[in-house]
Protein backbone atom coordinates (compact mmCIF):
# COMPACT_ATOMS: atom_id res chain seq x y z
CA MET A 1 6.75 1.00 -1.29
CA GLU A 2 6.93 0.89 2.49
CA HIS A 3 9.81 3.36 2.88
CA THR A 4 8.49 6.32 0.90
CA GLY A 5 9.48 8.80 3.63
CA GLU A 6 12.99 7.38 3.87
CA LEU A 7 13.31 7.36 0.09
CA GLN A 8 12.26 10.99 -0.13
CA GLN A 9 14.78 11.96 2.57
CA VAL A 10 17.59 10.18 0.73
CA VAL A 11 16.68 11.90 -2.55
CA GLU A 12 16.62 15.32 -0.87
CA HIS A 13 19.95 14.57 0.82
CA LEU A 14 21.55 13.50 -2.47
CA ARG A 15 20.17 16.53 -4.33
CA SER A 16 21.81 18.87 -1.82
CA ALA A 17 25.09 16.92 -1.59
CA THR A 18 28.24 18.46 -3.02
CA ASP A 19 29.41 15.05 -4.24
CA ARG A 20 26.39 12.86 -4.96
CA VAL A 21 28.49 9.86 -5.94
CA ALA A 22 30.45 9.92 -2.68
CA GLU A 23 27.24 10.25 -0.67
CA MET A 24 25.50 7.42 -2.52
CA ARG A 25 28.60 5.27 -2.11
CA ARG A 26 28.59 5.97 1.63
CA LEU A 27 24.89 5.11 1.94
CA VAL A 28 25.25 1.87 -0.02
CA LEU A 29 28.29 0.74 1.97
CA GLU A 30 26.71 1.67 5.31
CA SER A 31 23.69 -0.45 4.43
CA GLY A 32 25.94 -3.47 3.82
CA GLY A 33 26.01 -3.20 0.04
CA ALA A 34 28.97 -3.31 -2.30
CA TRP A 35 30.39 -0.45 -4.36
CA PRO A 36 32.96 -1.17 -7.08
CA ASP A 37 35.45 1.68 -7.44
CA HIS A 38 35.84 1.83 -11.22
CA GLU A 39 37.97 4.55 -12.73
CA HIS A 40 36.50 4.13 -16.22
CA ASP A 41 33.05 4.94 -17.52
CA VAL A 42 31.75 1.39 -17.70
CA LEU A 43 28.14 0.31 -17.30
CA PHE A 44 27.42 0.95 -13.64
CA GLU A 45 24.38 -0.03 -11.57
CA VAL A 46 23.31 1.40 -8.24
CA CYS A 47 20.70 -0.53 -6.25
CA PHE A 48 19.55 1.11 -3.04
CA LEU A 49 16.20 1.01 -1.22
CA SER A 50 14.82 -1.31 -3.93
CA ILE A 51 15.49 1.32 -6.63
CA ALA A 52 18.00 0.82 -9.44
CA GLY A 53 19.94 3.40 -11.41
CA LEU A 54 22.06 2.67 -14.49
CA GLY A 55 24.60 4.69 -16.40
CA PHE A 56 28.01 4.67 -18.02
CA GLY A 57 29.93 5.49 -14.86
CA ALA A 58 28.88 6.11 -11.28
CA LYS A 59 27.82 9.74 -11.78
CA PRO A 60 25.19 9.01 -14.48
CA ALA A 61 24.03 5.93 -12.53
CA VAL A 62 23.45 7.99 -9.38
CA LYS A 63 21.64 10.65 -11.44
CA ASN A 64 19.43 7.92 -12.94
CA TRP A 65 18.82 6.47 -9.47
CA ILE A 66 17.57 9.87 -8.25
CA VAL A 67 15.19 10.17 -11.23
CA ASN A 68 13.86 6.65 -10.67
CA ALA A 69 13.46 7.24 -6.92
CA GLU A 70 11.51 10.46 -7.55
CA ARG A 71 9.23 8.58 -9.93
CA GLN A 72 8.67 5.91 -7.31
CA PHE A 73 7.56 8.24 -4.55
CA SER A 74 5.39 10.15 -7.05
CA ILE A 75 3.69 6.86 -7.92
CA ASP A 76 3.30 6.00 -4.24
CA LYS A 77 1.56 9.34 -3.58
CA VAL A 78 -1.00 8.61 -6.31
CA ALA A 79 -1.61 5.01 -5.21
């Protein structure tokens, strides 16, 4: 991945955020992406910086995105 530094900064920012969902939503929208504002816990996907996160609702999807992003920059360090 070309943007490992950026990815790591985003993960650190999200980990320290009071409201991770609101921060991820802001980042996605600022990058030109779309964010559906569902009130119910439906299957939700977050795609940002070529990383996907899935969950039943935005909160679990963002949590999954963080886990997947951390795995990605761990893999990039080894490669």
